[in-house]
C-alpha cells in the first residue's frame, strides 16, 4: 500500500511540474522566426493576371512565455525575450491589442491598394470621411476625456480628415502644451483641451495617449479582396502592394522567383522599418525564398536592411537581400531581373 501511494504521489508531483513548465504564463513575451505565406491565395484582384513566381509575406511568431518556452528561448538563436508590458501597453487587454493589430493590417492593405493602383495607372479615388479615436490608453491625459469612437473634427482650430493630419498638427506642439481639440460625440460637438506628454522612447515626441482611425472610402473599378486571417500589424504593406501591382499589370514582375518583402508602406509609397527583421530573414531562408526586400531607411546605420544583410551573412544564405526605400524601388529592381532559369 505504501509503495502504491508513493508512486501516485510521484506521478501527481510530476504532472504538476510538467503542467507548470508547459502552461504557466510568465510576464514575458517571446518572438521567434515565423513562416512565409504565398499571396496568390490571399490577395485577389478582379481579372488579375497570374505569375510564375510568388510574392510572399513573412511573419514573426510571438507568444507569452511559459517556463519551458522561456528556457528554450534562452538558448535558441533569433529568439528574443521581452517584458510583457513592453509588448502590450499597460491597461490594454490582449483582445484590444489584437484588434489594434488587425486594424493596422487593414490599413496596410488599404495603403497597398492605393499605391499599386496609382503605379499601374488604374483609376482610383480616395474620399476622406473623418478621423476617429480608436483606443484610449490608461494613465494618459486622454483617459476620461476622449472615448473610443469620438470623431476628431478640428485640431488647433484646423479641420482634419485623416490621422496623418492630426499627427502633423500635434507634432508641431511641444510636450507640456495644451492640445485644443474639437470632437463630435453622439452628434454633439465639444471643445476640449488635453495636455501633451512624452510618447515612446523619444522624450520630445508629444502625444495624449490615443490611437487614430481614418475613415476612407477607396473607389476603383477592379475589386480587390484580402484574406489574411488573424495576421496583424502593418509590416505586410510593401508585399501587398507588389502583389496587387503584379496582378494589375500584364508583365509578370515575379520572373519566376520566390520573393519575400517586409515593410510598412504609406499612401505615397514610402517604405518604413518594422520589427523582427532578423527573424523574418531566418523564416524566409528556411522556406527557400530567392529574394528578400528590406526597408533601407535612407541608408542609415542600423537600418532594417543592414540587420537583414548581417543576418543573411550569419546564417550563410544564398537569398539576395535588397534595400528598398520606395515602392518604385522594388518594382524597378524586380523588372530588371532576368527570368529565373528552371
C-alpha atoms as a PDB file:
ATOM      1  CA  UNK A   1       0.000   0.000   0.000  1.00  0.00           C
ATOM      2  CA  UNK A   2       2.800   2.449   0.925  1.00  0.00           C
ATOM      3  CA  UNK A   3       4.594   1.634  -2.348  1.00  0.00           C
ATOM      4  CA  UNK A   4       1.465   2.407  -4.348  1.00  0.00           C
ATOM      5  CA  UNK A   5       0.842   5.718  -2.517  1.00  0.00           C
ATOM      6  CA  UNK A   6       4.430   6.761  -3.101  1.00  0.00           C
ATOM      7  CA  UNK A   7       4.151   6.155  -6.850  1.00  0.00           C
ATOM      8  CA  UNK A   8       0.852   8.026  -7.029  1.00  0.00           C
ATOM      9  CA  UNK A   9       2.441  10.954  -5.186  1.00  0.00           C
ATOM     10  CA  UNK A  10       5.421  10.957  -7.569  1.00  0.00           C
ATOM     11  CA  UNK A  11       3.038  10.864 -10.539  1.00  0.00           C
ATOM     12  CA  UNK A  12       0.970  13.763  -9.181  1.00  0.00           C
ATOM     13  CA  UNK A  13       4.067  15.869  -8.494  1.00  0.00           C
ATOM     14  CA  UNK A  14       5.490  15.076 -11.940  1.00  0.00           C
ATOM     15  CA  UNK A  15       2.240  16.064 -13.630  1.00  0.00           C
ATOM     16  CA  UNK A  16       2.089  19.276 -11.595  1.00  0.00           C
ATOM     17  CA  UNK A  17       5.661  20.216 -12.557  1.00  0.00           C
ATOM     18  CA  UNK A  18       5.013  19.370 -16.203  1.00  0.00           C
ATOM     19  CA  UNK A  19       1.860  21.470 -16.222  1.00  0.00           C
ATOM     20  CA  UNK A  20       3.690  24.384 -14.588  1.00  0.00           C
ATOM     21  CA  UNK A  21       6.608  24.274 -17.032  1.00  0.00           C
ATOM     22  CA  UNK A  22       4.364  23.967 -20.079  1.00  0.00           C
ATOM     23  CA  UNK A  23       1.354  26.159 -19.299  1.00  0.00           C
ATOM     24  CA  UNK A  24       2.047  28.661 -16.517  1.00  0.00           C
ATOM     25  CA  UNK A  25       2.167  32.151 -18.036  1.00  0.00           C
ATOM     26  CA  UNK A  26       5.150  34.341 -17.171  1.00  0.00           C
ATOM     27  CA  UNK A  27       5.275  38.119 -17.548  1.00  0.00           C
ATOM     28  CA  UNK A  28       7.459  37.759 -20.630  1.00  0.00           C
ATOM     29  CA  UNK A  29       6.764  37.669 -24.355  1.00  0.00           C
ATOM     30  CA  UNK A  30       8.899  35.743 -26.839  1.00  0.00           C
ATOM     31  CA  UNK A  31       9.381  36.483 -30.524  1.00  0.00           C
ATOM     32  CA  UNK A  32      10.798  33.861 -32.882  1.00  0.00           C
ATOM     33  CA  UNK A  33      11.036  33.237 -36.652  1.00  0.00           C
ATOM     34  CA  UNK A  34       7.648  32.512 -38.189  1.00  0.00           C
ATOM     35  CA  UNK A  35       6.960  31.380 -41.739  1.00  0.00           C
ATOM     36  CA  UNK A  36       6.114  32.737 -45.168  1.00  0.00           C
ATOM     37  CA  UNK A  37       2.770  32.697 -46.939  1.00  0.00           C
ATOM     38  CA  UNK A  38       2.205  32.958 -50.675  1.00  0.00           C
ATOM     39  CA  UNK A  39      -0.154  35.808 -51.530  1.00  0.00           C
ATOM     40  CA  UNK A  40      -1.767  34.325 -54.629  1.00  0.00           C
ATOM     41  CA  UNK A  41      -4.328  32.751 -52.286  1.00  0.00           C
ATOM     42  CA  UNK A  42      -4.592  35.801 -50.036  1.00  0.00           C
ATOM     43  CA  UNK A  43      -4.931  38.729 -52.463  1.00  0.00           C
ATOM     44  CA  UNK A  44      -7.352  38.639 -55.369  1.00  0.00           C
ATOM     45  CA  UNK A  45      -7.662  41.408 -57.961  1.00  0.00           C
ATOM     46  CA  UNK A  46     -10.645  41.267 -60.294  1.00  0.00           C
ATOM     47  CA  UNK A  47      -9.436  39.998 -63.680  1.00  0.00           C
ATOM     48  CA  UNK A  48      -5.904  39.919 -62.283  1.00  0.00           C
ATOM     49  CA  UNK A  49      -3.065  38.263 -64.178  1.00  0.00           C
ATOM     50  CA  UNK A  50      -1.209  35.152 -62.998  1.00  0.00           C
ATOM     51  CA  UNK A  51       2.535  34.829 -62.302  1.00  0.00           C
ATOM     52  CA  UNK A  52       5.114  32.081 -62.497  1.00  0.00           C
ATOM     53  CA  UNK A  53       6.736  33.059 -59.203  1.00  0.00           C
ATOM     54  CA  UNK A  54       5.190  34.158 -55.915  1.00  0.00           C
ATOM     55  CA  UNK A  55       5.066  37.170 -53.659  1.00  0.00           C
ATOM     56  CA  UNK A  56       5.209  36.028 -50.032  1.00  0.00           C
ATOM     57  CA  UNK A  57       4.513  37.766 -46.748  1.00  0.00           C
ATOM     58  CA  UNK A  58       6.710  36.717 -43.837  1.00  0.00           C
ATOM     59  CA  UNK A  59       5.760  36.573 -40.174  1.00  0.00           C
ATOM     60  CA  UNK A  60       7.339  36.673 -36.756  1.00  0.00           C
ATOM     61  CA  UNK A  61       5.738  34.256 -34.311  1.00  0.00           C
ATOM     62  CA  UNK A  62       5.114  35.578 -30.831  1.00  0.00           C
ATOM     63  CA  UNK A  63       3.600  34.332 -27.618  1.00  0.00           C
ATOM     64  CA  UNK A  64       3.537  34.780 -23.880  1.00  0.00           C
ATOM     65  CA  UNK A  65       6.297  32.763 -22.235  1.00  0.00           C
ATOM     66  CA  UNK A  66       5.871  29.642 -20.173  1.00  0.00           C
ATOM     67  CA  UNK A  67       8.826  28.442 -18.047  1.00  0.00           C
ATOM     68  CA  UNK A  68       9.717  25.795 -20.655  1.00  0.00           C
ATOM     69  CA  UNK A  69       9.353  28.237 -23.565  1.00  0.00           C
ATOM     70  CA  UNK A  70      11.448  30.792 -21.662  1.00  0.00           C
ATOM     71  CA  UNK A  71      14.295  28.328 -21.071  1.00  0.00           C
ATOM     72  CA  UNK A  72      14.220  27.247 -24.710  1.00  0.00           C
ATOM     73  CA  UNK A  73      14.332  30.875 -25.881  1.00  0.00           C
ATOM     74  CA  UNK A  74      17.421  31.472 -23.742  1.00  0.00           C
ATOM     75  CA  UNK A  75      19.474  29.041 -25.786  1.00  0.00           C
ATOM     76  CA  UNK A  76      17.923  29.332 -29.263  1.00  0.00           C
ATOM     77  CA  UNK A  77      19.292  31.851 -31.800  1.00  0.00           C
ATOM     78  CA  UNK A  78      16.901  34.524 -33.066  1.00  0.00           C
ATOM     79  CA  UNK A  79      14.540  34.048 -30.126  1.00  0.00           C
ATOM     80  CA  UNK A  80      14.041  37.330 -28.230  1.00  0.00           C
ATOM     81  CA  UNK A  81      12.546  37.727 -24.752  1.00  0.00           C
ATOM     82  CA  UNK A  82      10.724  40.928 -23.769  1.00  0.00           C
ATOM     83  CA  UNK A  83       8.910  42.088 -20.669  1.00  0.00           C
ATOM     84  CA  UNK A  84       5.204  41.675 -21.358  1.00  0.00           C
ATOM     85  CA  UNK A  85       4.500  45.322 -20.510  1.00  0.00           C
ATOM     86  CA  UNK A  86       6.930  46.406 -23.261  1.00  0.00           C
ATOM     87  CA  UNK A  87       4.933  44.465 -25.865  1.00  0.00           C
ATOM     88  CA  UNK A  88       1.393  45.192 -24.769  1.00  0.00           C
ATOM     89  CA  UNK A  89       0.850  48.611 -23.164  1.00  0.00           C
ATOM     90  CA  UNK A  90      -0.429  48.573 -19.604  1.00  0.00           C
ATOM     91  CA  UNK A  91      -4.202  48.859 -19.483  1.00  0.00           C
ATOM     92  CA  UNK A  92      -4.678  47.276 -22.926  1.00  0.00           C
ATOM     93  CA  UNK A  93      -6.171  43.777 -22.927  1.00  0.00           C
ATOM     94  CA  UNK A  94      -4.960  41.024 -25.252  1.00  0.00           C
ATOM     95  CA  UNK A  95      -8.202  41.314 -27.248  1.00  0.00           C
ATOM     96  CA  UNK A  96      -7.825  45.099 -27.570  1.00  0.00           C
ATOM     97  CA  UNK A  97      -4.184  44.697 -28.583  1.00  0.00           C
ATOM     98  CA  UNK A  98      -5.083  42.125 -31.237  1.00  0.00           C
ATOM     99  CA  UNK A  99      -7.907  44.287 -32.581  1.00  0.00           C
ATOM    100  CA  UNK A 100      -5.452  47.174 -32.934  1.00  0.00           C
ATOM    101  CA  UNK A 101      -3.013  44.917 -34.801  1.00  0.00           C
ATOM    102  CA  UNK A 102      -5.769  43.761 -37.152  1.00  0.00           C
ATOM    103  CA  UNK A 103      -6.677  47.394 -37.797  1.00  0.00           C
ATOM    104  CA  UNK A 104      -3.043  48.099 -38.685  1.00  0.00           C
ATOM    105  CA  UNK A 105      -3.207  45.184 -41.118  1.00  0.00           C
ATOM    106  CA  UNK A 106      -6.382  46.557 -42.725  1.00  0.00           C
ATOM    107  CA  UNK A 107      -4.778  49.992 -43.027  1.00  0.00           C
ATOM    108  CA  UNK A 108      -1.710  48.476 -44.701  1.00  0.00           C
ATOM    109  CA  UNK A 109      -3.944  46.684 -47.205  1.00  0.00           C
ATOM    110  CA  UNK A 110      -5.747  49.927 -47.996  1.00  0.00           C
ATOM    111  CA  UNK A 111      -2.466  51.807 -48.497  1.00  0.00           C
ATOM    112  CA  UNK A 112      -1.115  48.949 -50.622  1.00  0.00           C
ATOM    113  CA  UNK A 113      -4.173  49.081 -52.872  1.00  0.00           C
ATOM    114  CA  UNK A 114      -3.833  52.834 -53.375  1.00  0.00           C
ATOM    115  CA  UNK A 115      -0.093  52.652 -54.135  1.00  0.00           C
ATOM    116  CA  UNK A 116      -0.445  49.726 -56.549  1.00  0.00           C
ATOM    117  CA  UNK A 117      -3.409  51.188 -58.458  1.00  0.00           C
ATOM    118  CA  UNK A 118      -1.696  54.538 -58.870  1.00  0.00           C
ATOM    119  CA  UNK A 119       1.563  52.906 -60.009  1.00  0.00           C
ATOM    120  CA  UNK A 120      -0.318  50.766 -62.528  1.00  0.00           C
ATOM    121  CA  UNK A 121      -2.164  53.782 -63.923  1.00  0.00           C
ATOM    122  CA  UNK A 122      -5.564  52.459 -62.817  1.00  0.00           C
ATOM    123  CA  UNK A 123      -8.425  54.828 -61.936  1.00  0.00           C
ATOM    124  CA  UNK A 124      -8.763  55.349 -58.192  1.00  0.00           C
ATOM    125  CA  UNK A 125     -10.427  57.956 -55.962  1.00  0.00           C
ATOM    126  CA  UNK A 126      -9.932  58.500 -52.224  1.00  0.00           C
ATOM    127  CA  UNK A 127     -12.797  60.079 -50.281  1.00  0.00           C
ATOM    128  CA  UNK A 128     -11.862  61.087 -46.715  1.00  0.00           C
ATOM    129  CA  UNK A 129     -14.758  60.759 -44.279  1.00  0.00           C
ATOM    130  CA  UNK A 130     -13.174  61.667 -40.959  1.00  0.00           C
ATOM    131  CA  UNK A 131     -10.713  60.562 -38.288  1.00  0.00           C
ATOM    132  CA  UNK A 132     -11.791  58.764 -35.130  1.00  0.00           C
ATOM    133  CA  UNK A 133     -10.357  57.745 -31.771  1.00  0.00           C
ATOM    134  CA  UNK A 134      -9.516  54.036 -31.756  1.00  0.00           C
ATOM    135  CA  UNK A 135      -8.148  53.230 -28.298  1.00  0.00           C
ATOM    136  CA  UNK A 136      -7.571  55.385 -25.233  1.00  0.00           C
ATOM    137  CA  UNK A 137      -4.617  54.297 -23.097  1.00  0.00           C
ATOM    138  CA  UNK A 138      -4.832  54.108 -19.316  1.00  0.00           C
ATOM    139  CA  UNK A 139      -2.990  56.679 -17.213  1.00  0.00           C
ATOM    140  CA  UNK A 140      -2.586  59.018 -20.178  1.00  0.00           C
ATOM    141  CA  UNK A 141      -4.028  62.535 -20.492  1.00  0.00           C
ATOM    142  CA  UNK A 142      -6.773  61.441 -22.917  1.00  0.00           C
ATOM    143  CA  UNK A 143      -8.215  58.964 -20.384  1.00  0.00           C
ATOM    144  CA  UNK A 144     -11.562  60.223 -19.118  1.00  0.00           C
ATOM    145  CA  UNK A 145     -11.570  62.997 -21.729  1.00  0.00           C
ATOM    146  CA  UNK A 146     -11.823  61.151 -25.035  1.00  0.00           C
ATOM    147  CA  UNK A 147     -13.690  57.957 -25.806  1.00  0.00           C
ATOM    148  CA  UNK A 148     -13.282  55.266 -28.426  1.00  0.00           C
ATOM    149  CA  UNK A 149     -15.419  56.300 -31.392  1.00  0.00           C
ATOM    150  CA  UNK A 150     -15.092  60.059 -30.885  1.00  0.00           C
ATOM    151  CA  UNK A 151     -14.612  61.890 -34.179  1.00  0.00           C
ATOM    152  CA  UNK A 152     -11.827  64.470 -34.118  1.00  0.00           C
ATOM    153  CA  UNK A 153     -13.177  67.370 -36.149  1.00  0.00           C
ATOM    154  CA  UNK A 154     -10.509  70.021 -35.545  1.00  0.00           C
ATOM    155  CA  UNK A 155      -7.020  70.238 -34.051  1.00  0.00           C
ATOM    156  CA  UNK A 156      -5.844  73.688 -33.019  1.00  0.00           C
ATOM    157  CA  UNK A 157      -8.813  75.107 -34.910  1.00  0.00           C
ATOM    158  CA  UNK A 158      -7.908  73.415 -38.188  1.00  0.00           C
ATOM    159  CA  UNK A 159     -10.276  70.952 -39.854  1.00  0.00           C
ATOM    160  CA  UNK A 160      -8.843  67.402 -40.028  1.00  0.00           C
ATOM    161  CA  UNK A 161      -9.943  64.379 -42.038  1.00  0.00           C
ATOM    162  CA  UNK A 162      -7.091  61.902 -41.564  1.00  0.00           C
ATOM    163  CA  UNK A 163      -4.823  60.545 -38.850  1.00  0.00           C
ATOM    164  CA  UNK A 164      -1.832  61.972 -40.712  1.00  0.00           C
ATOM    165  CA  UNK A 165      -3.240  65.493 -40.384  1.00  0.00           C
ATOM    166  CA  UNK A 166      -3.844  65.029 -36.645  1.00  0.00           C
ATOM    167  CA  UNK A 167      -0.304  63.717 -36.121  1.00  0.00           C
ATOM    168  CA  UNK A 168       1.227  66.554 -38.142  1.00  0.00           C
ATOM    169  CA  UNK A 169      -0.603  69.240 -36.149  1.00  0.00           C
ATOM    170  CA  UNK A 170       0.168  67.511 -32.841  1.00  0.00           C
ATOM    171  CA  UNK A 171       3.861  67.195 -33.719  1.00  0.00           C
ATOM    172  CA  UNK A 172       4.096  70.953 -34.182  1.00  0.00           C
ATOM    173  CA  UNK A 173       3.388  71.365 -30.453  1.00  0.00           C
ATOM    174  CA  UNK A 174       5.714  70.667 -27.516  1.00  0.00           C
ATOM    175  CA  UNK A 175       5.489  68.373 -24.507  1.00  0.00           C
ATOM    176  CA  UNK A 176       3.637  70.232 -21.748  1.00  0.00           C
ATOM    177  CA  UNK A 177       1.478  72.274 -24.151  1.00  0.00           C
ATOM    178  CA  UNK A 178      -2.295  72.030 -24.228  1.00  0.00           C
ATOM    179  CA  UNK A 179      -3.714  70.462 -27.406  1.00  0.00           C
ATOM    180  CA  UNK A 180      -7.006  72.072 -28.457  1.00  0.00           C
ATOM    181  CA  UNK A 181      -9.475  69.612 -29.979  1.00  0.00           C
ATOM    182  CA  UNK A 182     -12.976  69.852 -31.373  1.00  0.00           C
ATOM    183  CA  UNK A 183     -14.688  66.475 -31.296  1.00  0.00           C
ATOM    184  CA  UNK A 184     -18.069  65.055 -32.244  1.00  0.00           C
ATOM    185  CA  UNK A 185     -19.686  62.570 -29.893  1.00  0.00           C
ATOM    186  CA  UNK A 186     -23.228  61.310 -30.435  1.00  0.00           C
ATOM    187  CA  UNK A 187     -23.811  64.113 -32.954  1.00  0.00           C
ATOM    188  CA  UNK A 188     -22.768  66.793 -30.450  1.00  0.00           C
ATOM    189  CA  UNK A 189     -19.632  68.885 -30.932  1.00  0.00           C
ATOM    190  CA  UNK A 190     -17.491  69.901 -27.979  1.00  0.00           C
ATOM    191  CA  UNK A 191     -14.187  71.704 -27.481  1.00  0.00           C
ATOM    192  CA  UNK A 192     -11.538  70.070 -25.288  1.00  0.00           C
ATOM    193  CA  UNK A 193      -8.021  70.731 -24.087  1.00  0.00           C
ATOM    194  CA  UNK A 194      -5.632  67.848 -23.373  1.00  0.00           C
ATOM    195  CA  UNK A 195      -2.077  68.133 -22.092  1.00  0.00           C
ATOM    196  CA  UNK A 196       0.683  66.736 -24.298  1.00  0.00           C
ATOM    197  CA  UNK A 197       3.108  64.296 -22.678  1.00  0.00           C
ATOM    198  CA  UNK A 198       6.150  62.385 -24.000  1.00  0.00           C
ATOM    199  CA  UNK A 199       5.395  59.249 -26.014  1.00  0.00           C
ATOM    200  CA  UNK A 200       7.663  56.240 -26.531  1.00  0.00           C
ATOM    201  CA  UNK A 201      11.424  56.371 -26.096  1.00  0.00           C
ATOM    202  CA  UNK A 202      11.730  59.878 -27.556  1.00  0.00           C
ATOM    203  CA  UNK A 203      11.070  62.308 -24.735  1.00  0.00           C
ATOM    204  CA  UNK A 204      10.312  65.223 -27.066  1.00  0.00           C
ATOM    205  CA  UNK A 205       7.638  63.365 -29.069  1.00  0.00           C
ATOM    206  CA  UNK A 206       4.291  64.782 -27.856  1.00  0.00           C
ATOM    207  CA  UNK A 207       1.040  62.876 -27.592  1.00  0.00           C
ATOM    208  CA  UNK A 208      -2.076  62.376 -25.494  1.00  0.00           C
ATOM    209  CA  UNK A 209      -2.345  58.561 -25.477  1.00  0.00           C
ATOM    210  CA  UNK A 210      -4.788  57.576 -28.224  1.00  0.00           C
ATOM    211  CA  UNK A 211      -4.753  55.556 -31.420  1.00  0.00           C
ATOM    212  CA  UNK A 212      -6.387  57.006 -34.512  1.00  0.00           C
ATOM    213  CA  UNK A 213      -8.528  55.512 -37.267  1.00  0.00           C
ATOM    214  CA  UNK A 214      -9.067  57.275 -40.599  1.00  0.00           C
ATOM    215  CA  UNK A 215     -12.369  56.544 -42.310  1.00  0.00           C
ATOM    216  CA  UNK A 216     -11.597  56.495 -46.043  1.00  0.00           C
ATOM    217  CA  UNK A 217     -13.618  55.351 -48.986  1.00  0.00           C
ATOM    218  CA  UNK A 218     -11.405  53.961 -51.752  1.00  0.00           C
ATOM    219  CA  UNK A 219     -13.230  53.889 -55.086  1.00  0.00           C
ATOM    220  CA  UNK A 220     -11.814  51.876 -58.002  1.00  0.00           C
ATOM    221  CA  UNK A 221     -13.132  49.836 -60.913  1.00  0.00           C
ATOM    222  CA  UNK A 222     -11.451  46.493 -60.174  1.00  0.00           C
ATOM    223  CA  UNK A 223     -12.360  44.788 -56.923  1.00  0.00           C
ATOM    224  CA  UNK A 224      -9.519  43.779 -54.581  1.00  0.00           C
ATOM    225  CA  UNK A 225     -10.049  41.315 -51.723  1.00  0.00           C
ATOM    226  CA  UNK A 226      -7.690  40.288 -48.931  1.00  0.00           C
ATOM    227  CA  UNK A 227      -7.921  37.144 -46.825  1.00  0.00           C
ATOM    228  CA  UNK A 228      -5.094  37.449 -44.278  1.00  0.00           C
ATOM    229  CA  UNK A 229      -6.948  35.825 -41.380  1.00  0.00           C
ATOM    230  CA  UNK A 230      -5.688  36.760 -37.916  1.00  0.00           C
ATOM    231  CA  UNK A 231      -2.321  38.068 -39.081  1.00  0.00           C
ATOM    232  CA  UNK A 232      -1.933  41.561 -37.645  1.00  0.00           C
ATOM    233  CA  UNK A 233       0.340  44.574 -37.904  1.00  0.00           C
ATOM    234  CA  UNK A 234       1.356  46.910 -40.728  1.00  0.00           C
ATOM    235  CA  UNK A 235       4.532  45.156 -41.910  1.00  0.00           C
ATOM    236  CA  UNK A 236       2.985  43.408 -44.945  1.00  0.00           C
ATOM    237  CA  UNK A 237       2.229  46.705 -46.678  1.00  0.00           C
ATOM    238  CA  UNK A 238       5.103  46.520 -49.174  1.00  0.00           C
ATOM    239  CA  UNK A 239       4.494  42.924 -50.236  1.00  0.00           C
ATOM    240  CA  UNK A 240       0.723  43.519 -50.529  1.00  0.00           C
ATOM    241  CA  UNK A 241       1.327  46.482 -52.828  1.00  0.00           C
ATOM    242  CA  UNK A 242       3.663  44.403 -55.007  1.00  0.00           C
ATOM    243  CA  UNK A 243       1.168  41.546 -55.238  1.00  0.00           C
ATOM    244  CA  UNK A 244      -1.691  43.867 -56.223  1.00  0.00           C
ATOM    245  CA  UNK A 245       0.528  45.616 -58.768  1.00  0.00           C
ATOM    246  CA  UNK A 246       1.681  42.278 -60.201  1.00  0.00           C
ATOM    247  CA  UNK A 247      -1.938  41.235 -60.736  1.00  0.00           C
ATOM    248  CA  UNK A 248      -2.900  44.606 -62.255  1.00  0.00           C
ATOM    249  CA  UNK A 249      -0.179  44.759 -64.921  1.00  0.00           C
ATOM    250  CA  UNK A 250       0.338  42.372 -67.837  1.00  0.00           C
ATOM    251  CA  UNK A 251       4.040  41.856 -67.102  1.00  0.00           C
ATOM    252  CA  UNK A 252       4.976  39.120 -64.614  1.00  0.00           C
ATOM    253  CA  UNK A 253       7.299  41.001 -62.260  1.00  0.00           C
ATOM    254  CA  UNK A 254       7.994  37.880 -60.174  1.00  0.00           C
ATOM    255  CA  UNK A 255      10.027  36.467 -63.106  1.00  0.00           C
ATOM    256  CA  UNK A 256       9.518  33.012 -61.561  1.00  0.00           C
ATOM    257  CA  UNK A 257      11.235  33.843 -58.231  1.00  0.00           C
ATOM    258  CA  UNK A 258      10.076  33.270 -54.671  1.00  0.00           C
ATOM    259  CA  UNK A 259      10.018  36.856 -53.378  1.00  0.00           C
ATOM    260  CA  UNK A 260       9.659  37.931 -49.762  1.00  0.00           C
ATOM    261  CA  UNK A 261       9.238  41.568 -48.745  1.00  0.00           C
ATOM    262  CA  UNK A 262       8.516  43.331 -45.487  1.00  0.00           C
ATOM    263  CA  UNK A 263       7.927  46.929 -44.524  1.00  0.00           C
ATOM    264  CA  UNK A 264       5.118  49.300 -43.684  1.00  0.00           C
ATOM    265  CA  UNK A 265       4.006  51.472 -46.593  1.00  0.00           C
ATOM    266  CA  UNK A 266       2.200  54.806 -46.711  1.00  0.00           C
ATOM    267  CA  UNK A 267      -0.142  56.211 -49.337  1.00  0.00           C
ATOM    268  CA  UNK A 268       2.794  57.861 -51.133  1.00  0.00           C
ATOM    269  CA  UNK A 269       4.653  54.551 -51.478  1.00  0.00           C
ATOM    270  CA  UNK A 270       7.323  55.263 -48.866  1.00  0.00           C
ATOM    271  CA  UNK A 271       8.553  52.143 -47.055  1.00  0.00           C
ATOM    272  CA  UNK A 272       9.086  52.198 -43.279  1.00  0.00           C
ATOM    273  CA  UNK A 273      11.030  49.847 -40.955  1.00  0.00           C
ATOM    274  CA  UNK A 274       9.443  47.048 -38.982  1.00  0.00           C
ATOM    275  CA  UNK A 275      10.426  44.901 -36.004  1.00  0.00           C
ATOM    276  CA  UNK A 276      11.942  41.430 -36.035  1.00  0.00           C
ATOM    277  CA  UNK A 277      13.679  41.702 -39.400  1.00  0.00           C
ATOM    278  CA  UNK A 278      16.355  39.179 -38.378  1.00  0.00           C
ATOM    279  CA  UNK A 279      13.713  36.579 -37.569  1.00  0.00           C
ATOM    280  CA  UNK A 280      11.977  37.253 -40.871  1.00  0.00           C
ATOM    281  CA  UNK A 281      15.215  36.640 -42.778  1.00  0.00           C
ATOM    282  CA  UNK A 282      15.608  33.296 -40.989  1.00  0.00           C
ATOM    283  CA  UNK A 283      11.989  32.347 -41.749  1.00  0.00           C
ATOM    284  CA  UNK A 284      12.342  33.311 -45.427  1.00  0.00           C
ATOM    285  CA  UNK A 285      15.561  31.323 -45.791  1.00  0.00           C
ATOM    286  CA  UNK A 286      14.018  28.277 -44.105  1.00  0.00           C
ATOM    287  CA  UNK A 287      11.197  28.445 -46.669  1.00  0.00           C
ATOM    288  CA  UNK A 288      13.586  28.619 -49.623  1.00  0.00           C
ATOM    289  CA  UNK A 289      12.966  32.202 -50.759  1.00  0.00           C
ATOM    290  CA  UNK A 290      15.167  33.656 -53.522  1.00  0.00           C
ATOM    291  CA  UNK A 291      14.857  37.384 -52.788  1.00  0.00           C
ATOM    292  CA  UNK A 292      14.212  39.386 -49.608  1.00  0.00           C
ATOM    293  CA  UNK A 293      13.247  43.067 -49.950  1.00  0.00           C
ATOM    294  CA  UNK A 294      14.036  45.034 -46.780  1.00  0.00           C
ATOM    295  CA  UNK A 295      13.379  48.643 -45.681  1.00  0.00           C
ATOM    296  CA  UNK A 296      16.533  50.694 -46.263  1.00  0.00           C
ATOM    297  CA  UNK A 297      15.596  53.705 -44.100  1.00  0.00           C
ATOM    298  CA  UNK A 298      17.545  56.016 -46.347  1.00  0.00           C
ATOM    299  CA  UNK A 299      20.719  54.019 -45.778  1.00  0.00           C
ATOM    300  CA  UNK A 300      21.060  54.965 -42.134  1.00  0.00           C
ATOM    301  CA  UNK A 301      23.274  52.942 -39.782  1.00  0.00           C
ATOM    302  CA  UNK A 302      21.479  50.012 -38.180  1.00  0.00           C
ATOM    303  CA  UNK A 303      18.677  50.071 -40.746  1.00  0.00           C
ATOM    304  CA  UNK A 304      16.394  47.103 -41.347  1.00  0.00           C
ATOM    305  CA  UNK A 305      18.423  46.409 -44.485  1.00  0.00           C
ATOM    306  CA  UNK A 306      21.738  46.360 -42.577  1.00  0.00           C
ATOM    307  CA  UNK A 307      20.331  43.991 -39.949  1.00  0.00           C
ATOM    308  CA  UNK A 308      18.824  41.763 -42.642  1.00  0.00           C
ATOM    309  CA  UNK A 309      22.077  41.647 -44.593  1.00  0.00           C
ATOM    310  CA  UNK A 310      24.110  40.765 -41.482  1.00  0.00           C
ATOM    311  CA  UNK A 311      21.622  38.052 -40.532  1.00  0.00           C
ATOM    312  CA  UNK A 312      21.830  36.620 -44.055  1.00  0.00           C
ATOM    313  CA  UNK A 313      25.630  36.506 -43.762  1.00  0.00           C
ATOM    314  CA  UNK A 314      25.434  34.880 -40.316  1.00  0.00           C
ATOM    315  CA  UNK A 315      23.136  32.072 -41.490  1.00  0.00           C
ATOM    316  CA  UNK A 316      25.048  31.770 -44.788  1.00  0.00           C
ATOM    317  CA  UNK A 317      22.020  32.006 -47.042  1.00  0.00           C
ATOM    318  CA  UNK A 318      22.126  32.399 -50.826  1.00  0.00           C
ATOM    319  CA  UNK A 319      18.988  34.533 -50.655  1.00  0.00           C
ATOM    320  CA  UNK A 320      19.545  38.053 -52.030  1.00  0.00           C
ATOM    321  CA  UNK A 321      18.856  40.941 -49.624  1.00  0.00           C
ATOM    322  CA  UNK A 322      17.759  44.111 -51.449  1.00  0.00           C
ATOM    323  CA  UNK A 323      17.410  47.618 -49.901  1.00  0.00           C
ATOM    324  CA  UNK A 324      14.094  49.394 -50.539  1.00  0.00           C
ATOM    325  CA  UNK A 325      13.096  52.976 -49.690  1.00  0.00           C
ATOM    326  CA  UNK A 326      10.113  53.411 -52.007  1.00  0.00           C
ATOM    327  CA  UNK A 327       7.604  51.098 -53.656  1.00  0.00           C
ATOM    328  CA  UNK A 328       9.033  52.078 -57.033  1.00  0.00           C
ATOM    329  CA  UNK A 329      12.497  50.872 -55.919  1.00  0.00           C
ATOM    330  CA  UNK A 330      11.059  47.380 -55.540  1.00  0.00           C
ATOM    331  CA  UNK A 331       9.271  47.488 -58.890  1.00  0.00           C
ATOM    332  CA  UNK A 332      12.395  48.754 -60.678  1.00  0.00           C
ATOM    333  CA  UNK A 333      14.541  46.006 -59.145  1.00  0.00           C
ATOM    334  CA  UNK A 334      12.112  43.212 -59.974  1.00  0.00           C
ATOM    335  CA  UNK A 335      11.579  44.442 -63.532  1.00  0.00           C
ATOM    336  CA  UNK A 336      15.343  44.444 -64.066  1.00  0.00           C
ATOM    337  CA  UNK A 337      15.722  40.775 -63.137  1.00  0.00           C
ATOM    338  CA  UNK A 338      16.188  38.079 -65.775  1.00  0.00           C
ATOM    339  CA  UNK A 339      13.580  35.318 -65.847  1.00  0.00           C
ATOM    340  CA  UNK A 340      14.530  32.600 -63.369  1.00  0.00           C
ATOM    341  CA  UNK A 341      16.032  29.567 -65.022  1.00  0.00           C
ATOM    342  CA  UNK A 342      14.395  26.224 -64.306  1.00  0.00           C
END
